[in-house]
Amino acid sequence: MPHHSHTSIFTTVSGVVGGVGKAVTAKPLLMAITLPGLTTVVLYAAASAAAGYVVKKALDNISAKLNKYFKENFGDDE
């Protein structure tokens, strides 16, 4: 099964947007958002997206191994 980069890109972008969105809603005044605070949120979002991507790749790998196992052991014997 081919693995496209669309999922990782979408995960990273949504994590960053979600983190920045949370920063904006937590401090409704845009003047209260500082560059160090925004940088922290962006780094947290990127780390969260990276962790999600690693988990996705691990689950894809486990799924592929399980599919292979079941096809080899319980596949049609025609």
PDB file of N, CA and C in Angstrom:
ATOM      1  N   MET A   1       0.846  -1.167   0.000  1.00  0.00           N
ATOM      2  CA  MET A   1       0.000   0.000   0.000  1.00  0.00           C
ATOM      3  C   MET A   1       0.893   1.232   0.000  1.00  0.00           C
ATOM      4  N   PRO A   2       0.691   2.145  -0.947  1.00  0.00           N
ATOM      5  CA  PRO A   2       1.541   3.336  -0.998  1.00  0.00           C
ATOM      6  C   PRO A   2       1.188   4.301   0.137  1.00  0.00           C
ATOM      7  N   HIS A   3       2.202   4.923   0.672  1.00  0.00           N
ATOM      8  CA  HIS A   3       2.001   5.904   1.740  1.00  0.00           C
ATOM      9  C   HIS A   3       2.314   7.281   1.172  1.00  0.00           C
ATOM     10  N   HIS A   4       1.318   8.126   1.149  1.00  0.00           N
ATOM     11  CA  HIS A   4       1.488   9.462   0.610  1.00  0.00           C
ATOM     12  C   HIS A   4       1.802  10.433   1.740  1.00  0.00           C
ATOM     13  N   SER A   5       2.417  11.525   1.396  1.00  0.00           N
ATOM     14  CA  SER A   5       2.777  12.517   2.399  1.00  0.00           C
ATOM     15  C   SER A   5       1.606  13.426   2.751  1.00  0.00           C
ATOM     16  N   HIS A   6       0.470  13.262   2.072  1.00  0.00           N
ATOM     17  CA  HIS A   6      -0.680  14.132   2.339  1.00  0.00           C
ATOM     18  C   HIS A   6      -1.131  14.038   3.792  1.00  0.00           C
ATOM     19  N   THR A   7      -1.116  12.835   4.351  1.00  0.00           N
ATOM     20  CA  THR A   7      -1.576  12.658   5.726  1.00  0.00           C
ATOM     21  C   THR A   7      -0.669  13.392   6.700  1.00  0.00           C
ATOM     22  N   SER A   8       0.635  13.276   6.523  1.00  0.00           N
ATOM     23  CA  SER A   8       1.541  13.947   7.454  1.00  0.00           C
ATOM     24  C   SER A   8       1.460  15.459   7.312  1.00  0.00           C
ATOM     25  N   ILE A   9       1.309  15.930   6.091  1.00  0.00           N
ATOM     26  CA  ILE A   9       1.178  17.374   5.880  1.00  0.00           C
ATOM     27  C   ILE A   9      -0.103  17.880   6.527  1.00  0.00           C
ATOM     28  N   PHE A  10      -1.215  17.169   6.303  1.00  0.00           N
ATOM     29  CA  PHE A  10      -2.485  17.566   6.894  1.00  0.00           C
ATOM     30  C   PHE A  10      -2.405  17.538   8.417  1.00  0.00           C
ATOM     31  N   THR A  11      -1.763  16.512   8.971  1.00  0.00           N
ATOM     32  CA  THR A  11      -1.630  16.399  10.423  1.00  0.00           C
ATOM     33  C   THR A  11      -0.819  17.558  10.987  1.00  0.00           C
ATOM     34  N   THR A  12       0.269  17.887  10.336  1.00  0.00           N
ATOM     35  CA  THR A  12       1.115  18.984  10.811  1.00  0.00           C
ATOM     36  C   THR A  12       0.390  20.314  10.734  1.00  0.00           C
ATOM     37  N   VAL A  13      -0.245  20.581   9.593  1.00  0.00           N
ATOM     38  CA  VAL A  13      -0.956  21.854   9.423  1.00  0.00           C
ATOM     39  C   VAL A  13      -2.104  21.969  10.420  1.00  0.00           C
ATOM     40  N   SER A  14      -2.876  20.886  10.582  1.00  0.00           N
ATOM     41  CA  SER A  14      -4.001  20.966  11.510  1.00  0.00           C
ATOM     42  C   SER A  14      -3.525  21.125  12.948  1.00  0.00           C
ATOM     43  N   GLY A  15      -2.392  20.509  13.287  1.00  0.00           N
ATOM     44  CA  GLY A  15      -1.839  20.678  14.633  1.00  0.00           C
ATOM     45  C   GLY A  15      -1.398  22.100  14.889  1.00  0.00           C
ATOM     46  N   VAL A  16      -0.730  22.685  13.901  1.00  0.00           N
ATOM     47  CA  VAL A  16      -0.273  24.071  14.051  1.00  0.00           C
ATOM     48  C   VAL A  16      -1.465  25.018  14.130  1.00  0.00           C
ATOM     49  N   VAL A  17      -2.432  24.832  13.225  1.00  0.00           N
ATOM     50  CA  VAL A  17      -3.619  25.697  13.231  1.00  0.00           C
ATOM     51  C   VAL A  17      -4.380  25.543  14.545  1.00  0.00           C
ATOM     52  N   GLY A  18      -4.517  24.312  15.019  1.00  0.00           N
ATOM     53  CA  GLY A  18      -5.210  24.085  16.289  1.00  0.00           C
ATOM     54  C   GLY A  18      -4.488  24.726  17.458  1.00  0.00           C
ATOM     55  N   GLY A  19      -3.156  24.608  17.468  1.00  0.00           N
ATOM     56  CA  GLY A  19      -2.382  25.210  18.553  1.00  0.00           C
ATOM     57  C   GLY A  19      -2.453  26.722  18.545  1.00  0.00           C
ATOM     58  N   VAL A  20      -2.312  27.310  17.374  1.00  0.00           N
ATOM     59  CA  VAL A  20      -2.406  28.767  17.271  1.00  0.00           C
ATOM     60  C   VAL A  20      -3.829  29.224  17.595  1.00  0.00           C
ATOM     61  N   GLY A  21      -4.818  28.458  17.126  1.00  0.00           N
ATOM     62  CA  GLY A  21      -6.214  28.788  17.452  1.00  0.00           C
ATOM     63  C   GLY A  21      -6.467  28.753  18.940  1.00  0.00           C
ATOM     64  N   LYS A  22      -5.881  27.767  19.619  1.00  0.00           N
ATOM     65  CA  LYS A  22      -6.035  27.689  21.070  1.00  0.00           C
ATOM     66  C   LYS A  22      -5.359  28.881  21.747  1.00  0.00           C
ATOM     67  N   ALA A  23      -4.208  29.285  21.230  1.00  0.00           N
ATOM     68  CA  ALA A  23      -3.528  30.445  21.808  1.00  0.00           C
ATOM     69  C   ALA A  23      -4.358  31.711  21.644  1.00  0.00           C
ATOM     70  N   VAL A  24      -4.992  31.838  20.486  1.00  0.00           N
ATOM     71  CA  VAL A  24      -5.808  33.031  20.230  1.00  0.00           C
ATOM     72  C   VAL A  24      -7.049  33.039  21.112  1.00  0.00           C
ATOM     73  N   THR A  25      -7.700  31.874  21.289  1.00  0.00           N
ATOM     74  CA  THR A  25      -8.911  31.836  22.110  1.00  0.00           C
ATOM     75  C   THR A  25      -8.589  31.944  23.600  1.00  0.00           C
ATOM     76  N   ALA A  26      -7.414  31.462  23.995  1.00  0.00           N
ATOM     77  CA  ALA A  26      -7.043  31.561  25.407  1.00  0.00           C
ATOM     78  C   ALA A  26      -6.712  33.004  25.783  1.00  0.00           C
ATOM     79  N   LYS A  27      -6.177  33.731  24.831  1.00  0.00           N
ATOM     80  CA  LYS A  27      -5.868  35.149  25.042  1.00  0.00           C
ATOM     81  C   LYS A  27      -6.554  35.922  23.927  1.00  0.00           C
ATOM     82  N   PRO A  28      -7.794  36.340  24.150  1.00  0.00           N
ATOM     83  CA  PRO A  28      -8.560  36.935  23.063  1.00  0.00           C
ATOM     84  C   PRO A  28      -7.956  38.217  22.486  1.00  0.00           C
ATOM     85  N   LEU A  29      -7.163  38.883  23.225  1.00  0.00           N
ATOM     86  CA  LEU A  29      -6.542  40.095  22.706  1.00  0.00           C
ATOM     87  C   LEU A  29      -5.269  39.715  21.953  1.00  0.00           C
ATOM     88  N   LEU A  30      -5.240  40.033  20.685  1.00  0.00           N
ATOM     89  CA  LEU A  30      -4.075  39.689  19.887  1.00  0.00           C
ATOM     90  C   LEU A  30      -2.809  40.372  20.392  1.00  0.00           C
ATOM     91  N   MET A  31      -2.966  41.471  21.075  1.00  0.00           N
ATOM     92  CA  MET A  31      -1.806  42.180  21.617  1.00  0.00           C
ATOM     93  C   MET A  31      -1.161  41.397  22.760  1.00  0.00           C
ATOM     94  N   ALA A  32      -1.927  40.519  23.395  1.00  0.00           N
ATOM     95  CA  ALA A  32      -1.402  39.759  24.521  1.00  0.00           C
ATOM     96  C   ALA A  32      -0.557  38.575  24.066  1.00  0.00           C
ATOM     97  N   ILE A  33      -0.612  38.219  22.786  1.00  0.00           N
ATOM     98  CA  ILE A  33       0.168  37.093  22.272  1.00  0.00           C
ATOM     99  C   ILE A  33       1.576  37.577  21.971  1.00  0.00           C
ATOM    100  N   THR A  34       2.537  36.920  22.603  1.00  0.00           N
ATOM    101  CA  THR A  34       3.931  37.290  22.394  1.00  0.00           C
ATOM    102  C   THR A  34       4.594  36.305  21.440  1.00  0.00           C
ATOM    103  N   LEU A  35       5.682  36.713  20.857  1.00  0.00           N
ATOM    104  CA  LEU A  35       6.423  35.837  19.954  1.00  0.00           C
ATOM    105  C   LEU A  35       6.927  34.583  20.672  1.00  0.00           C
ATOM    106  N   PRO A  36       7.492  34.698  21.876  1.00  0.00           N
ATOM    107  CA  PRO A  36       7.906  33.468  22.571  1.00  0.00           C
ATOM    108  C   PRO A  36       6.724  32.534  22.883  1.00  0.00           C
ATOM    109  N   GLY A  37       5.604  33.109  23.249  1.00  0.00           N
ATOM    110  CA  GLY A  37       4.418  32.288  23.522  1.00  0.00           C
ATOM    111  C   GLY A  37       3.909  31.606  22.270  1.00  0.00           C
ATOM    112  N   LEU A  38       3.880  32.334  21.176  1.00  0.00           N
ATOM    113  CA  LEU A  38       3.440  31.760  19.908  1.00  0.00           C
ATOM    114  C   LEU A  38       4.408  30.683  19.439  1.00  0.00           C
ATOM    115  N   THR A  39       5.703  30.926  19.629  1.00  0.00           N
ATOM    116  CA  THR A  39       6.710  29.936  19.254  1.00  0.00           C
ATOM    117  C   THR A  39       6.533  28.659  20.060  1.00  0.00           C
ATOM    118  N   THR A  40       6.239  28.786  21.326  1.00  0.00           N
ATOM    119  CA  THR A  40       6.010  27.617  22.170  1.00  0.00           C
ATOM    120  C   THR A  40       4.811  26.821  21.673  1.00  0.00           C
ATOM    121  N   VAL A  41       3.751  27.500  21.322  1.00  0.00           N
ATOM    122  CA  VAL A  41       2.554  26.829  20.832  1.00  0.00           C
ATOM    123  C   VAL A  41       2.839  26.122  19.512  1.00  0.00           C
ATOM    124  N   VAL A  42       3.553  26.776  18.609  1.00  0.00           N
ATOM    125  CA  VAL A  42       3.871  26.179  17.311  1.00  0.00           C
ATOM    126  C   VAL A  42       4.765  24.961  17.505  1.00  0.00           C
ATOM    127  N   LEU A  43       5.757  25.061  18.393  1.00  0.00           N
ATOM    128  CA  LEU A  43       6.627  23.909  18.648  1.00  0.00           C
ATOM    129  C   LEU A  43       5.848  22.750  19.260  1.00  0.00           C
ATOM    130  N   TYR A  44       4.938  23.061  20.182  1.00  0.00           N
ATOM    131  CA  TYR A  44       4.110  22.019  20.783  1.00  0.00           C
ATOM    132  C   TYR A  44       3.240  21.352  19.720  1.00  0.00           C
ATOM    133  N   ALA A  45       2.649  22.151  18.851  1.00  0.00           N
ATOM    134  CA  ALA A  45       1.802  21.597  17.797  1.00  0.00           C
ATOM    135  C   ALA A  45       2.611  20.725  16.840  1.00  0.00           C
ATOM    136  N   ALA A  46       3.807  21.161  16.494  1.00  0.00           N
ATOM    137  CA  ALA A  46       4.658  20.370  15.604  1.00  0.00           C
ATOM    138  C   ALA A  46       5.076  19.067  16.274  1.00  0.00           C
ATOM    139  N   ALA A  47       5.407  19.115  17.554  1.00  0.00           N
ATOM    140  CA  ALA A  47       5.775  17.895  18.285  1.00  0.00           C
ATOM    141  C   ALA A  47       4.590  16.951  18.376  1.00  0.00           C
ATOM    142  N   SER A  48       3.418  17.505  18.607  1.00  0.00           N
ATOM    143  CA  SER A  48       2.208  16.688  18.673  1.00  0.00           C
ATOM    144  C   SER A  48       1.923  16.031  17.328  1.00  0.00           C
ATOM    145  N   ALA A  49       2.079  16.782  16.249  1.00  0.00           N
ATOM    146  CA  ALA A  49       1.862  16.220  14.914  1.00  0.00           C
ATOM    147  C   ALA A  49       2.892  15.145  14.608  1.00  0.00           C
ATOM    148  N   ALA A  50       4.137  15.361  15.008  1.00  0.00           N
ATOM    149  CA  ALA A  50       5.183  14.359  14.778  1.00  0.00           C
ATOM    150  C   ALA A  50       4.873  13.075  15.549  1.00  0.00           C
ATOM    151  N   ALA A  51       4.420  13.219  16.791  1.00  0.00           N
ATOM    152  CA  ALA A  51       4.061  12.040  17.576  1.00  0.00           C
ATOM    153  C   ALA A  51       2.889  11.297  16.929  1.00  0.00           C
ATOM    154  N   GLY A  52       1.913  12.043  16.454  1.00  0.00           N
ATOM    155  CA  GLY A  52       0.785  11.419  15.771  1.00  0.00           C
ATOM    156  C   GLY A  52       1.212  10.693  14.510  1.00  0.00           C
ATOM    157  N   TYR A  53       2.158  11.267  13.784  1.00  0.00           N
ATOM    158  CA  TYR A  53       2.653  10.637  12.562  1.00  0.00           C
ATOM    159  C   TYR A  53       3.407   9.339  12.881  1.00  0.00           C
ATOM    160  N   VAL A  54       4.205   9.349  13.946  1.00  0.00           N
ATOM    161  CA  VAL A  54       4.929   8.141  14.345  1.00  0.00           C
ATOM    162  C   VAL A  54       3.945   7.044  14.736  1.00  0.00           C
ATOM    163  N   VAL A  55       2.913   7.395  15.476  1.00  0.00           N
ATOM    164  CA  VAL A  55       1.893   6.411  15.852  1.00  0.00           C
ATOM    165  C   VAL A  55       1.183   5.880  14.610  1.00  0.00           C
ATOM    166  N   LYS A  56       0.857   6.762  13.661  1.00  0.00           N
ATOM    167  CA  LYS A  56       0.201   6.332  12.424  1.00  0.00           C
ATOM    168  C   LYS A  56       1.074   5.355  11.665  1.00  0.00           C
ATOM    169  N   LYS A  57       2.370   5.657  11.524  1.00  0.00           N
ATOM    170  CA  LYS A  57       3.284   4.772  10.806  1.00  0.00           C
ATOM    171  C   LYS A  57       3.403   3.424  11.519  1.00  0.00           C
ATOM    172  N   ALA A  58       3.439   3.437  12.842  1.00  0.00           N
ATOM    173  CA  ALA A  58       3.514   2.186  13.602  1.00  0.00           C
ATOM    174  C   ALA A  58       2.257   1.354  13.393  1.00  0.00           C
ATOM    175  N   LEU A  59       1.092   1.990  13.441  1.00  0.00           N
ATOM    176  CA  LEU A  59      -0.160   1.255  13.227  1.00  0.00           C
ATOM    177  C   LEU A  59      -0.259   0.738  11.792  1.00  0.00           C
ATOM    178  N   ASP A  60       0.225   1.512  10.813  1.00  0.00           N
ATOM    179  CA  ASP A  60       0.254   1.040   9.429  1.00  0.00           C
ATOM    180  C   ASP A  60       1.139  -0.189   9.294  1.00  0.00           C
ATOM    181  N   ASN A  61       2.285  -0.173   9.966  1.00  0.00           N
ATOM    182  CA  ASN A  61       3.207  -1.296   9.922  1.00  0.00           C
ATOM    183  C   ASN A  61       2.589  -2.537  10.564  1.00  0.00           C
ATOM    184  N   ILE A  62       1.961  -2.372  11.706  1.00  0.00           N
ATOM    185  CA  ILE A  62       1.299  -3.493  12.385  1.00  0.00           C
ATOM    186  C   ILE A  62       0.164  -4.032  11.514  1.00  0.00           C
ATOM    187  N   SER A  63      -0.601  -3.143  10.923  1.00  0.00           N
ATOM    188  CA  SER A  63      -1.703  -3.560  10.048  1.00  0.00           C
ATOM    189  C   SER A  63      -1.194  -4.356   8.851  1.00  0.00           C
ATOM    190  N   ALA A  64      -0.107  -3.899   8.240  1.00  0.00           N
ATOM    191  CA  ALA A  64       0.455  -4.613   7.094  1.00  0.00           C
ATOM    192  C   ALA A  64       0.942  -6.001   7.498  1.00  0.00           C
ATOM    193  N   LYS A  65       1.590  -6.101   8.660  1.00  0.00           N
ATOM    194  CA  LYS A  65       2.059  -7.406   9.140  1.00  0.00           C
ATOM    195  C   LYS A  65       0.893  -8.344   9.441  1.00  0.00           C
ATOM    196  N   LEU A  66      -0.169  -7.816  10.057  1.00  0.00           N
ATOM    197  CA  LEU A  66      -1.339  -8.646  10.344  1.00  0.00           C
ATOM    198  C   LEU A  66      -2.014  -9.111   9.054  1.00  0.00           C
ATOM    199  N   ASN A  67      -2.142  -8.208   8.085  1.00  0.00           N
ATOM    200  CA  ASN A  67      -2.734  -8.598   6.804  1.00  0.00           C
ATOM    201  C   ASN A  67      -1.919  -9.685   6.125  1.00  0.00           C
ATOM    202  N   LYS A  68      -0.610  -9.527   6.145  1.00  0.00           N
ATOM    203  CA  LYS A  68       0.268 -10.533   5.540  1.00  0.00           C
ATOM    204  C   LYS A  68       0.127 -11.866   6.259  1.00  0.00           C
ATOM    205  N   TYR A  69       0.098 -11.844   7.580  1.00  0.00           N
ATOM    206  CA  TYR A  69      -0.038 -13.064   8.368  1.00  0.00           C
ATOM    207  C   TYR A  69      -1.335 -13.794   8.038  1.00  0.00           C
ATOM    208  N   PHE A  70      -2.446 -13.043   8.014  1.00  0.00           N
ATOM    209  CA  PHE A  70      -3.728 -13.686   7.755  1.00  0.00           C
ATOM    210  C   PHE A  70      -3.848 -14.175   6.315  1.00  0.00           C
ATOM    211  N   LYS A  71      -3.252 -13.466   5.367  1.00  0.00           N
ATOM    212  CA  LYS A  71      -3.283 -13.923   3.981  1.00  0.00           C
ATOM    213  C   LYS A  71      -2.461 -15.194   3.807  1.00  0.00           C
ATOM    214  N   GLU A  72      -1.316 -15.273   4.490  1.00  0.00           N
ATOM    215  CA  GLU A  72      -0.468 -16.459   4.381  1.00  0.00           C
ATOM    216  C   GLU A  72      -1.079 -17.662   5.076  1.00  0.00           C
ATOM    217  N   ASN A  73      -1.725 -17.459   6.206  1.00  0.00           N
ATOM    218  CA  ASN A  73      -2.214 -18.582   7.012  1.00  0.00           C
ATOM    219  C   ASN A  73      -3.675 -18.946   6.782  1.00  0.00           C
ATOM    220  N   PHE A  74      -4.478 -17.998   6.355  1.00  0.00           N
ATOM    221  CA  PHE A  74      -5.903 -18.266   6.218  1.00  0.00           C
ATOM    222  C   PHE A  74      -6.433 -17.905   4.844  1.00  0.00           C
ATOM    223  N   GLY A  75      -5.546 -17.689   3.877  1.00  0.00           N
ATOM    224  CA  GLY A  75      -5.962 -17.332   2.526  1.00  0.00           C
ATOM    225  C   GLY A  75      -6.574 -18.522   1.809  1.00  0.00           C
ATOM    226  N   ASP A  76      -7.181 -18.246   0.671  1.00  0.00           N
ATOM    227  CA  ASP A  76      -7.775 -19.310  -0.136  1.00  0.00           C
ATOM    228  C   ASP A  76      -6.675 -20.225  -0.656  1.00  0.00           C
ATOM    229  N   ASP A  77      -6.924 -21.534  -0.646  1.00  0.00           N
ATOM    230  CA  ASP A  77      -5.942 -22.507  -1.105  1.00  0.00           C
ATOM    231  C   ASP A  77      -6.275 -23.004  -2.503  1.00  0.00           C
ATOM    232  N   GLU A  78      -6.638 -22.128  -3.387  1.00  0.00           N
ATOM    233  CA  GLU A  78      -7.015 -22.539  -4.743  1.00  0.00           C
ATOM    234  C   GLU A  78      -5.827 -22.774  -5.604  1.00  0.00           C
TER     235      GLU A  78
END
